[in-house]
């Protein structure tokens, strides 16, 4: 099956599943309450997936992680154009879930403030409250976790290199107190 056909099958299955969710989420007057969006930001190895899974269980929430979808579909995690299409679809799906009253956790990394602002604004436009969670650790700890993860074979075609992590740490836009204040709840989460 081609990549496009695989994504269409996955999109149809998710759409059918979410339609059932939408029906269940309706209250007596058929007006759904908006769910809450939690956006998790951080570099590789910072604990985004660990936090997202814990939040998804406790809220409960639907967790949006392009890495999971790409691995499950046999897609190279380094394929940026496919990742962008998956994230675009996940955003559409997330907004539908939020409209139906379901909570959503997005763990895309979102290294730039403009990316985080866009997610916040899209959710707010439909009336959903939005939290930002920033997870971090010092660079040596991030590297230790990445190496450990790579030994488990979770990165696919190639491993993250230390010089890449060092470069990404330079370009990552840390959330400021001013940015955190634009969310319904914003937290720095040391991991």
N, C-alpha and C. Protein backbone atom coordinates (compact mmCIF):
# COMPACT_ATOMS: atom_id res chain seq x y z
N UNK A 1 0.86 -1.17 0.00
CA UNK A 1 0.00 0.00 0.00
C UNK A 1 0.90 1.23 0.00
N UNK A 2 0.55 2.20 -0.82
CA UNK A 2 1.34 3.43 -0.88
C UNK A 2 1.15 4.24 0.39
N UNK A 3 2.06 5.18 0.62
CA UNK A 3 1.98 6.06 1.78
C UNK A 3 0.66 6.83 1.77
N UNK A 4 0.29 7.41 0.62
CA UNK A 4 -0.94 8.19 0.53
C UNK A 4 -2.16 7.33 0.83
N UNK A 5 -2.18 6.12 0.29
CA UNK A 5 -3.31 5.22 0.55
C UNK A 5 -3.36 4.84 2.02
N UNK A 6 -2.20 4.59 2.61
CA UNK A 6 -2.14 4.26 4.03
C UNK A 6 -2.65 5.39 4.90
N UNK A 7 -2.27 6.61 4.57
CA UNK A 7 -2.74 7.76 5.35
C UNK A 7 -4.25 7.96 5.18
N UNK A 8 -4.77 7.70 3.97
CA UNK A 8 -6.22 7.83 3.76
C UNK A 8 -6.99 6.79 4.56
N UNK A 9 -6.49 5.57 4.61
CA UNK A 9 -7.13 4.53 5.40
C UNK A 9 -7.11 4.92 6.87
N UNK A 10 -5.95 5.39 7.34
CA UNK A 10 -5.82 5.81 8.74
C UNK A 10 -6.75 6.99 9.03
N UNK A 11 -6.81 7.96 8.12
CA UNK A 11 -7.67 9.14 8.31
C UNK A 11 -9.13 8.72 8.39
N UNK A 12 -9.56 7.79 7.53
CA UNK A 12 -10.95 7.33 7.54
C UNK A 12 -11.26 6.62 8.86
N UNK A 13 -10.36 5.76 9.32
CA UNK A 13 -10.60 5.03 10.56
C UNK A 13 -10.66 5.98 11.75
N UNK A 14 -9.75 6.94 11.79
CA UNK A 14 -9.76 7.91 12.88
C UNK A 14 -11.01 8.76 12.81
N UNK A 15 -11.42 9.16 11.60
CA UNK A 15 -12.63 9.96 11.44
C UNK A 15 -13.86 9.23 11.95
N UNK A 16 -13.98 7.93 11.63
CA UNK A 16 -15.11 7.15 12.12
C UNK A 16 -15.09 7.04 13.64
N UNK A 17 -13.91 6.83 14.21
CA UNK A 17 -13.77 6.73 15.65
C UNK A 17 -14.15 8.04 16.32
N UNK A 18 -13.70 9.15 15.74
CA UNK A 18 -14.01 10.46 16.33
C UNK A 18 -15.47 10.82 16.16
N UNK A 19 -16.11 10.37 15.09
CA UNK A 19 -17.54 10.62 14.94
C UNK A 19 -18.31 9.97 16.08
N UNK A 20 -17.91 8.77 16.47
CA UNK A 20 -18.56 8.11 17.61
C UNK A 20 -18.31 8.91 18.88
N UNK A 21 -17.10 9.41 19.04
CA UNK A 21 -16.78 10.23 20.22
C UNK A 21 -17.64 11.48 20.25
N UNK A 22 -17.78 12.13 19.08
CA UNK A 22 -18.58 13.36 19.03
C UNK A 22 -20.01 13.09 19.47
N UNK A 23 -20.55 11.97 19.03
CA UNK A 23 -21.92 11.64 19.39
C UNK A 23 -22.04 11.46 20.90
N UNK A 24 -21.09 10.75 21.51
CA UNK A 24 -21.11 10.53 22.95
C UNK A 24 -20.91 11.81 23.75
N UNK A 25 -20.17 12.78 23.19
CA UNK A 25 -19.84 13.99 23.94
C UNK A 25 -20.97 15.01 23.98
N UNK A 26 -21.99 14.83 23.17
CA UNK A 26 -23.08 15.79 23.13
C UNK A 26 -23.89 15.74 24.42
N UNK A 27 -24.26 16.92 24.93
CA UNK A 27 -25.13 16.94 26.09
C UNK A 27 -26.58 16.95 25.62
N UNK A 28 -27.51 17.14 26.54
CA UNK A 28 -28.92 17.01 26.23
C UNK A 28 -29.36 17.94 25.10
N UNK A 29 -28.86 19.18 25.09
CA UNK A 29 -29.28 20.11 24.03
C UNK A 29 -28.39 20.03 22.79
N UNK A 30 -27.57 18.99 22.68
CA UNK A 30 -26.68 18.73 21.55
C UNK A 30 -25.61 19.79 21.35
N UNK A 31 -25.26 20.51 22.40
CA UNK A 31 -24.19 21.49 22.32
C UNK A 31 -22.99 20.96 23.10
N UNK A 32 -21.91 20.60 22.39
CA UNK A 32 -20.76 20.07 23.11
C UNK A 32 -20.01 21.18 23.85
N UNK A 33 -19.45 20.84 24.99
CA UNK A 33 -18.56 21.76 25.69
C UNK A 33 -17.17 21.54 25.11
N UNK A 34 -16.40 22.61 24.97
CA UNK A 34 -15.05 22.47 24.42
C UNK A 34 -14.14 21.76 25.41
N UNK A 35 -13.29 20.93 24.88
CA UNK A 35 -12.27 20.28 25.70
C UNK A 35 -11.10 21.23 25.90
N UNK A 36 -10.09 20.75 26.59
CA UNK A 36 -8.88 21.52 26.90
C UNK A 36 -7.73 21.00 26.04
N UNK A 37 -6.93 21.94 25.51
CA UNK A 37 -5.74 21.59 24.75
C UNK A 37 -4.52 21.80 25.64
N UNK A 38 -3.66 20.80 25.71
CA UNK A 38 -2.38 20.92 26.39
C UNK A 38 -1.29 20.78 25.33
N UNK A 39 -0.46 21.80 25.20
CA UNK A 39 0.65 21.80 24.25
C UNK A 39 1.93 21.56 25.04
N UNK A 40 2.69 20.54 24.64
CA UNK A 40 3.95 20.23 25.34
C UNK A 40 5.10 20.61 24.43
N UNK A 41 6.02 21.39 24.96
CA UNK A 41 7.17 21.83 24.19
C UNK A 41 8.46 21.42 24.89
N UNK A 42 9.45 21.08 24.11
CA UNK A 42 10.75 20.70 24.65
C UNK A 42 11.59 20.02 23.58
N UNK A 43 12.86 19.93 23.85
CA UNK A 43 13.80 19.28 22.94
C UNK A 43 13.70 17.76 23.04
N UNK A 44 14.28 17.03 22.09
CA UNK A 44 14.31 15.58 22.20
C UNK A 44 14.94 15.15 23.53
N UNK A 45 14.35 14.14 24.15
CA UNK A 45 14.88 13.62 25.40
C UNK A 45 14.41 14.37 26.64
N UNK A 46 13.58 15.40 26.45
CA UNK A 46 13.17 16.23 27.59
C UNK A 46 12.04 15.62 28.40
N UNK A 47 11.35 14.63 27.85
CA UNK A 47 10.27 13.99 28.58
C UNK A 47 8.88 14.33 28.06
N UNK A 48 8.80 14.83 26.82
CA UNK A 48 7.50 15.19 26.26
C UNK A 48 6.55 14.00 26.22
N UNK A 49 7.01 12.88 25.70
CA UNK A 49 6.15 11.71 25.57
C UNK A 49 5.75 11.16 26.93
N UNK A 50 6.68 11.14 27.86
CA UNK A 50 6.36 10.65 29.21
C UNK A 50 5.28 11.50 29.85
N UNK A 51 5.44 12.82 29.78
CA UNK A 51 4.43 13.73 30.34
C UNK A 51 3.11 13.62 29.59
N UNK A 52 3.17 13.57 28.25
CA UNK A 52 1.95 13.49 27.45
C UNK A 52 1.15 12.23 27.79
N UNK A 53 1.83 11.11 27.93
CA UNK A 53 1.14 9.86 28.25
C UNK A 53 0.49 9.94 29.63
N UNK A 54 1.20 10.52 30.59
CA UNK A 54 0.65 10.65 31.94
C UNK A 54 -0.58 11.57 31.94
N UNK A 55 -0.49 12.69 31.22
CA UNK A 55 -1.62 13.61 31.13
C UNK A 55 -2.81 12.97 30.41
N UNK A 56 -2.52 12.26 29.32
CA UNK A 56 -3.60 11.61 28.56
C UNK A 56 -4.36 10.63 29.45
N UNK A 57 -3.65 9.92 30.30
CA UNK A 57 -4.30 8.97 31.21
C UNK A 57 -5.08 9.68 32.31
N UNK A 58 -4.51 10.75 32.85
CA UNK A 58 -5.13 11.38 34.02
C UNK A 58 -6.27 12.34 33.67
N UNK A 59 -6.27 12.95 32.49
CA UNK A 59 -7.28 13.97 32.19
C UNK A 59 -8.67 13.40 31.94
N UNK A 60 -9.00 12.48 31.19
CA UNK A 60 -8.27 11.83 30.10
C UNK A 60 -8.22 12.73 28.85
N UNK A 61 -7.32 12.36 27.93
CA UNK A 61 -7.13 13.13 26.71
C UNK A 61 -6.65 12.23 25.59
N UNK A 62 -6.82 12.69 24.36
CA UNK A 62 -6.27 12.04 23.19
C UNK A 62 -4.89 12.65 22.95
N UNK A 63 -3.88 11.81 22.80
CA UNK A 63 -2.50 12.27 22.65
C UNK A 63 -2.12 12.28 21.17
N UNK A 64 -1.63 13.44 20.71
CA UNK A 64 -1.20 13.60 19.33
C UNK A 64 0.33 13.63 19.26
N UNK A 65 0.89 12.56 18.72
CA UNK A 65 2.35 12.42 18.61
C UNK A 65 2.68 11.92 17.21
N UNK A 66 3.24 12.77 16.35
CA UNK A 66 3.55 12.31 14.99
C UNK A 66 4.55 11.15 14.96
N UNK A 67 5.48 11.10 15.91
CA UNK A 67 6.43 10.00 15.94
C UNK A 67 5.71 8.65 16.04
N UNK A 68 4.70 8.57 16.90
CA UNK A 68 3.95 7.32 17.06
C UNK A 68 3.28 6.93 15.75
N UNK A 69 2.62 7.89 15.10
CA UNK A 69 1.92 7.59 13.86
C UNK A 69 2.91 7.17 12.77
N UNK A 70 4.06 7.84 12.71
CA UNK A 70 5.05 7.52 11.69
C UNK A 70 5.64 6.13 11.92
N UNK A 71 6.00 5.82 13.17
CA UNK A 71 6.54 4.49 13.47
C UNK A 71 5.51 3.40 13.15
N UNK A 72 4.25 3.62 13.56
CA UNK A 72 3.20 2.63 13.33
C UNK A 72 2.95 2.41 11.84
N UNK A 73 3.21 3.42 11.03
CA UNK A 73 2.98 3.34 9.59
C UNK A 73 4.24 2.95 8.82
N UNK A 74 5.34 2.72 9.53
CA UNK A 74 6.59 2.35 8.86
C UNK A 74 7.24 3.50 8.12
N UNK A 75 6.98 4.73 8.56
CA UNK A 75 7.52 5.92 7.90
C UNK A 75 8.77 6.39 8.64
N UNK A 76 9.78 6.76 7.90
CA UNK A 76 11.02 7.27 8.46
C UNK A 76 10.74 8.53 9.28
N UNK A 77 11.16 8.56 10.53
CA UNK A 77 10.93 9.70 11.41
C UNK A 77 11.60 10.98 10.93
N UNK A 78 12.56 10.86 10.02
CA UNK A 78 13.28 12.02 9.50
C UNK A 78 12.63 12.59 8.25
N UNK A 79 11.51 12.04 7.80
CA UNK A 79 10.82 12.52 6.61
C UNK A 79 9.98 13.75 6.99
N UNK A 80 10.56 14.93 6.79
CA UNK A 80 9.95 16.18 7.22
C UNK A 80 8.65 16.51 6.52
N UNK A 81 8.52 16.18 5.23
CA UNK A 81 7.28 16.52 4.52
C UNK A 81 6.12 15.66 5.02
N UNK A 82 6.37 14.38 5.29
CA UNK A 82 5.31 13.52 5.84
C UNK A 82 4.96 13.98 7.25
N UNK A 83 5.96 14.30 8.05
CA UNK A 83 5.71 14.79 9.41
C UNK A 83 4.80 16.03 9.38
N UNK A 84 5.09 16.95 8.47
CA UNK A 84 4.28 18.17 8.37
C UNK A 84 2.83 17.85 8.01
N UNK A 85 2.63 16.89 7.09
CA UNK A 85 1.26 16.50 6.72
C UNK A 85 0.55 15.83 7.88
N UNK A 86 1.26 14.99 8.62
CA UNK A 86 0.65 14.32 9.78
C UNK A 86 0.29 15.35 10.84
N UNK A 87 1.18 16.29 11.11
CA UNK A 87 0.87 17.32 12.11
C UNK A 87 -0.32 18.17 11.68
N UNK A 88 -0.43 18.47 10.38
CA UNK A 88 -1.58 19.24 9.90
C UNK A 88 -2.87 18.45 10.11
N UNK A 89 -2.82 17.16 9.80
CA UNK A 89 -4.00 16.32 10.02
C UNK A 89 -4.30 16.22 11.51
N UNK A 90 -3.26 16.05 12.34
CA UNK A 90 -3.48 15.96 13.78
C UNK A 90 -4.09 17.25 14.33
N UNK A 91 -3.73 18.40 13.79
CA UNK A 91 -4.33 19.65 14.23
C UNK A 91 -5.82 19.68 13.89
N UNK A 92 -6.16 19.30 12.66
CA UNK A 92 -7.57 19.25 12.27
C UNK A 92 -8.34 18.30 13.18
N UNK A 93 -7.79 17.14 13.40
CA UNK A 93 -8.41 16.15 14.28
C UNK A 93 -8.53 16.69 15.71
N UNK A 94 -7.49 17.34 16.18
CA UNK A 94 -7.50 17.91 17.54
C UNK A 94 -8.60 18.94 17.71
N UNK A 95 -8.77 19.81 16.72
CA UNK A 95 -9.82 20.82 16.80
C UNK A 95 -11.20 20.17 16.80
N UNK A 96 -11.37 19.12 16.01
CA UNK A 96 -12.64 18.39 16.03
C UNK A 96 -12.90 17.77 17.40
N UNK A 97 -11.86 17.16 17.97
CA UNK A 97 -12.01 16.55 19.30
C UNK A 97 -12.32 17.61 20.35
N UNK A 98 -11.63 18.73 20.30
CA UNK A 98 -11.89 19.81 21.26
C UNK A 98 -13.32 20.31 21.13
N UNK A 99 -13.80 20.50 19.91
CA UNK A 99 -15.17 20.95 19.70
C UNK A 99 -16.18 19.98 20.29
N UNK A 100 -15.83 18.69 20.28
CA UNK A 100 -16.75 17.67 20.79
C UNK A 100 -16.62 17.47 22.29
N UNK A 101 -15.80 18.30 22.93
CA UNK A 101 -15.68 18.23 24.38
C UNK A 101 -14.54 17.35 24.89
N UNK A 102 -13.73 16.82 24.01
CA UNK A 102 -12.62 15.96 24.41
C UNK A 102 -11.35 16.78 24.62
N UNK A 103 -10.53 16.34 25.56
CA UNK A 103 -9.23 16.97 25.82
C UNK A 103 -8.20 16.40 24.85
N UNK A 104 -7.21 17.22 24.51
CA UNK A 104 -6.16 16.81 23.58
C UNK A 104 -4.82 17.26 24.13
N UNK A 105 -3.82 16.37 24.01
CA UNK A 105 -2.43 16.70 24.34
C UNK A 105 -1.62 16.61 23.06
N UNK A 106 -0.99 17.73 22.68
CA UNK A 106 -0.13 17.77 21.49
C UNK A 106 1.32 17.78 21.95
N UNK A 107 2.10 16.82 21.44
CA UNK A 107 3.51 16.73 21.78
C UNK A 107 4.38 16.74 20.52
N UNK A 108 4.35 17.87 19.83
CA UNK A 108 5.11 18.00 18.59
C UNK A 108 6.48 18.62 18.81
N UNK A 109 6.80 19.03 19.98
CA UNK A 109 8.05 19.75 20.21
C UNK A 109 7.84 21.25 20.16
N UNK A 110 7.23 21.73 19.09
CA UNK A 110 6.95 23.15 18.85
C UNK A 110 8.03 24.05 19.43
N UNK A 111 9.16 24.09 18.76
CA UNK A 111 10.35 24.80 19.24
C UNK A 111 10.26 26.30 19.10
N UNK A 112 9.42 26.80 18.21
CA UNK A 112 9.32 28.25 17.99
C UNK A 112 8.05 28.79 18.64
N UNK A 113 8.18 29.98 19.20
CA UNK A 113 7.01 30.59 19.82
C UNK A 113 5.87 30.75 18.82
N UNK A 114 6.20 31.10 17.58
CA UNK A 114 5.15 31.28 16.56
C UNK A 114 4.32 30.01 16.38
N UNK A 115 4.97 28.83 16.45
CA UNK A 115 4.24 27.56 16.34
C UNK A 115 3.30 27.39 17.54
N UNK A 116 3.81 27.68 18.72
CA UNK A 116 2.99 27.54 19.93
C UNK A 116 1.83 28.53 19.91
N UNK A 117 2.11 29.78 19.49
CA UNK A 117 1.05 30.79 19.39
C UNK A 117 -0.04 30.34 18.42
N UNK A 118 0.36 29.75 17.30
CA UNK A 118 -0.62 29.31 16.29
C UNK A 118 -1.54 28.23 16.87
N UNK A 119 -0.97 27.28 17.60
CA UNK A 119 -1.80 26.23 18.22
C UNK A 119 -2.75 26.83 19.25
N UNK A 120 -2.21 27.72 20.08
CA UNK A 120 -3.04 28.37 21.11
C UNK A 120 -4.18 29.14 20.45
N UNK A 121 -3.86 29.93 19.43
CA UNK A 121 -4.87 30.75 18.77
C UNK A 121 -5.94 29.90 18.07
N UNK A 122 -5.53 28.79 17.45
CA UNK A 122 -6.50 27.92 16.78
C UNK A 122 -7.48 27.32 17.79
N UNK A 123 -6.96 26.88 18.93
CA UNK A 123 -7.84 26.30 19.96
C UNK A 123 -8.73 27.37 20.58
N UNK A 124 -8.16 28.52 20.85
CA UNK A 124 -8.95 29.60 21.44
C UNK A 124 -10.06 30.07 20.49
N UNK A 125 -9.80 30.00 19.19
CA UNK A 125 -10.80 30.44 18.21
C UNK A 125 -12.07 29.60 18.28
N UNK A 126 -11.97 28.37 18.78
CA UNK A 126 -13.16 27.52 18.92
C UNK A 126 -13.63 27.48 20.38
N UNK A 127 -13.01 28.29 21.23
CA UNK A 127 -13.45 28.38 22.62
C UNK A 127 -12.79 27.43 23.59
N UNK A 128 -11.71 26.79 23.19
CA UNK A 128 -11.04 25.82 24.06
C UNK A 128 -9.98 26.49 24.92
N UNK A 129 -9.93 26.15 26.20
CA UNK A 129 -8.82 26.62 27.03
C UNK A 129 -7.53 25.89 26.63
N UNK A 130 -6.39 26.56 26.83
CA UNK A 130 -5.11 26.02 26.37
C UNK A 130 -4.06 26.14 27.46
N UNK A 131 -3.35 25.04 27.69
CA UNK A 131 -2.21 25.02 28.62
C UNK A 131 -0.93 24.83 27.81
N UNK A 132 0.16 25.39 28.31
CA UNK A 132 1.47 25.13 27.74
C UNK A 132 2.33 24.50 28.82
N UNK A 133 2.93 23.36 28.50
CA UNK A 133 3.85 22.70 29.41
C UNK A 133 5.22 22.65 28.74
N UNK A 134 6.21 23.20 29.41
CA UNK A 134 7.59 23.22 28.90
C UNK A 134 8.41 22.22 29.71
N UNK A 135 8.93 21.20 29.05
CA UNK A 135 9.75 20.19 29.72
C UNK A 135 11.20 20.37 29.30
N UNK A 136 12.07 20.21 30.27
CA UNK A 136 13.48 20.45 29.99
C UNK A 136 14.37 19.64 30.93
N UNK A 137 15.60 19.54 30.55
CA UNK A 137 16.66 18.97 31.37
C UNK A 137 17.95 19.56 30.81
N UNK A 138 19.04 19.45 31.56
CA UNK A 138 20.29 20.00 31.03
C UNK A 138 20.73 19.17 29.82
N UNK A 139 21.57 19.77 29.00
CA UNK A 139 21.92 19.18 27.70
C UNK A 139 22.56 17.79 27.84
N UNK A 140 23.38 17.59 28.87
CA UNK A 140 24.00 16.27 29.05
C UNK A 140 22.97 15.21 29.41
N UNK A 141 21.98 15.59 30.20
CA UNK A 141 20.90 14.64 30.54
C UNK A 141 20.05 14.35 29.31
N UNK A 142 19.76 15.36 28.50
CA UNK A 142 19.02 15.13 27.25
C UNK A 142 19.78 14.12 26.38
N UNK A 143 21.08 14.32 26.27
CA UNK A 143 21.90 13.43 25.44
C UNK A 143 21.89 12.01 26.00
N UNK A 144 22.01 11.87 27.31
CA UNK A 144 21.99 10.53 27.94
C UNK A 144 20.69 9.81 27.59
N UNK A 145 19.56 10.53 27.69
CA UNK A 145 18.26 9.93 27.40
C UNK A 145 18.13 9.56 25.92
N UNK A 146 18.66 10.41 25.05
CA UNK A 146 18.59 10.12 23.61
C UNK A 146 19.40 8.87 23.29
N UNK A 147 20.60 8.76 23.84
CA UNK A 147 21.43 7.58 23.61
C UNK A 147 20.72 6.33 24.11
N UNK A 148 20.11 6.40 25.29
CA UNK A 148 19.37 5.27 25.85
C UNK A 148 18.21 4.88 24.92
N UNK A 149 17.49 5.87 24.46
CA UNK A 149 16.36 5.62 23.55
C UNK A 149 16.85 5.01 22.24
N UNK A 150 17.97 5.51 21.72
CA UNK A 150 18.52 4.97 20.47
C UNK A 150 18.93 3.51 20.62
N UNK A 151 19.43 3.15 21.80
CA UNK A 151 19.82 1.75 22.03
C UNK A 151 18.60 0.84 22.01
N UNK A 152 17.43 1.39 22.28
CA UNK A 152 16.19 0.62 22.21
C UNK A 152 15.66 0.55 20.78
N UNK A 153 16.30 1.28 19.84
CA UNK A 153 15.91 1.24 18.43
C UNK A 153 14.65 2.02 18.11
N UNK A 154 14.37 3.08 18.85
CA UNK A 154 13.13 3.81 18.65
C UNK A 154 13.24 4.94 17.63
N UNK A 155 14.41 5.21 17.06
CA UNK A 155 14.50 6.34 16.15
C UNK A 155 14.55 5.95 14.68
N UNK A 156 14.49 4.70 14.36
CA UNK A 156 14.36 4.33 12.96
C UNK A 156 15.64 4.38 12.17
N UNK A 157 15.62 5.11 11.06
CA UNK A 157 16.69 5.04 10.06
C UNK A 157 18.04 5.53 10.55
N UNK A 158 18.05 6.49 11.46
CA UNK A 158 19.33 6.96 11.97
C UNK A 158 19.13 7.62 13.32
N UNK A 159 20.18 7.66 14.09
CA UNK A 159 20.13 8.24 15.43
C UNK A 159 20.36 9.75 15.39
N UNK A 160 19.87 10.42 16.41
CA UNK A 160 20.19 11.83 16.60
C UNK A 160 21.67 11.92 16.96
N UNK A 161 22.36 12.87 16.38
CA UNK A 161 23.77 13.09 16.69
C UNK A 161 23.92 14.18 17.74
N UNK A 162 24.97 14.12 18.55
CA UNK A 162 25.16 15.10 19.61
C UNK A 162 25.26 16.52 19.05
N UNK A 163 25.96 16.69 17.91
CA UNK A 163 26.07 18.04 17.35
C UNK A 163 24.71 18.57 16.90
N UNK A 164 23.80 17.68 16.48
CA UNK A 164 22.44 18.11 16.13
C UNK A 164 21.71 18.62 17.38
N UNK A 165 21.82 17.87 18.46
CA UNK A 165 21.18 18.29 19.71
C UNK A 165 21.72 19.63 20.16
N UNK A 166 23.04 19.81 20.09
CA UNK A 166 23.65 21.08 20.49
C UNK A 166 23.13 22.23 19.62
N UNK A 167 22.99 21.99 18.32
CA UNK A 167 22.48 23.02 17.42
C UNK A 167 21.01 23.32 17.72
N UNK A 168 20.22 22.27 17.93
CA UNK A 168 18.80 22.46 18.22
C UNK A 168 18.61 23.24 19.52
N UNK A 169 19.46 23.00 20.49
CA UNK A 169 19.37 23.73 21.76
C UNK A 169 19.62 25.22 21.55
N UNK A 170 20.44 25.56 20.55
CA UNK A 170 20.71 26.97 20.26
C UNK A 170 19.52 27.65 19.58
N UNK A 171 18.77 26.91 18.75
CA UNK A 171 17.68 27.54 18.01
C UNK A 171 16.33 27.42 18.72
N UNK A 172 16.24 26.55 19.72
CA UNK A 172 14.99 26.38 20.46
C UNK A 172 14.62 27.68 21.17
N UNK A 173 13.39 28.11 21.01
CA UNK A 173 12.92 29.34 21.65
C UNK A 173 12.22 28.97 22.97
N UNK A 174 12.94 29.19 24.06
CA UNK A 174 12.39 28.88 25.38
C UNK A 174 11.15 29.71 25.65
N UNK A 175 10.11 29.10 26.23
CA UNK A 175 8.95 29.91 26.63
C UNK A 175 9.35 30.90 27.73
N UNK A 176 8.96 32.14 27.57
CA UNK A 176 9.24 33.16 28.57
C UNK A 176 8.06 33.27 29.53
N UNK A 177 8.25 33.98 30.62
CA UNK A 177 7.14 34.22 31.54
C UNK A 177 6.01 34.97 30.83
N UNK A 178 6.38 35.91 29.95
CA UNK A 178 5.36 36.63 29.19
C UNK A 178 4.55 35.69 28.30
N UNK A 179 5.23 34.75 27.66
CA UNK A 179 4.50 33.78 26.82
C UNK A 179 3.62 32.90 27.69
N UNK A 180 4.15 32.37 28.77
CA UNK A 180 3.36 31.49 29.64
C UNK A 180 2.10 32.19 30.15
N UNK A 181 2.19 33.50 30.33
CA UNK A 181 1.04 34.28 30.82
C UNK A 181 -0.08 34.36 29.78
N UNK A 182 0.19 34.03 28.52
CA UNK A 182 -0.85 34.09 27.49
C UNK A 182 -1.70 32.82 27.46
N UNK A 183 -1.37 31.86 28.29
CA UNK A 183 -2.11 30.58 28.33
C UNK A 183 -3.00 30.53 29.56
N UNK A 184 -4.00 29.65 29.51
CA UNK A 184 -4.88 29.47 30.66
C UNK A 184 -4.11 28.85 31.81
N UNK A 185 -3.08 28.09 31.47
CA UNK A 185 -2.17 27.54 32.45
C UNK A 185 -0.88 27.24 31.73
N UNK A 186 0.21 27.66 32.30
CA UNK A 186 1.51 27.39 31.71
C UNK A 186 2.47 26.97 32.79
N UNK A 187 3.26 25.94 32.51
CA UNK A 187 4.16 25.43 33.54
C UNK A 187 5.48 25.02 32.93
N UNK A 188 6.55 25.29 33.67
CA UNK A 188 7.84 24.70 33.36
C UNK A 188 7.92 23.43 34.17
N UNK A 189 8.24 22.33 33.52
CA UNK A 189 8.25 21.04 34.18
C UNK A 189 9.67 20.47 34.09
N UNK A 190 10.45 20.59 35.16
CA UNK A 190 11.78 19.96 35.13
C UNK A 190 11.61 18.45 35.14
N UNK A 191 12.37 17.77 34.29
CA UNK A 191 12.24 16.31 34.23
C UNK A 191 13.56 15.64 34.50
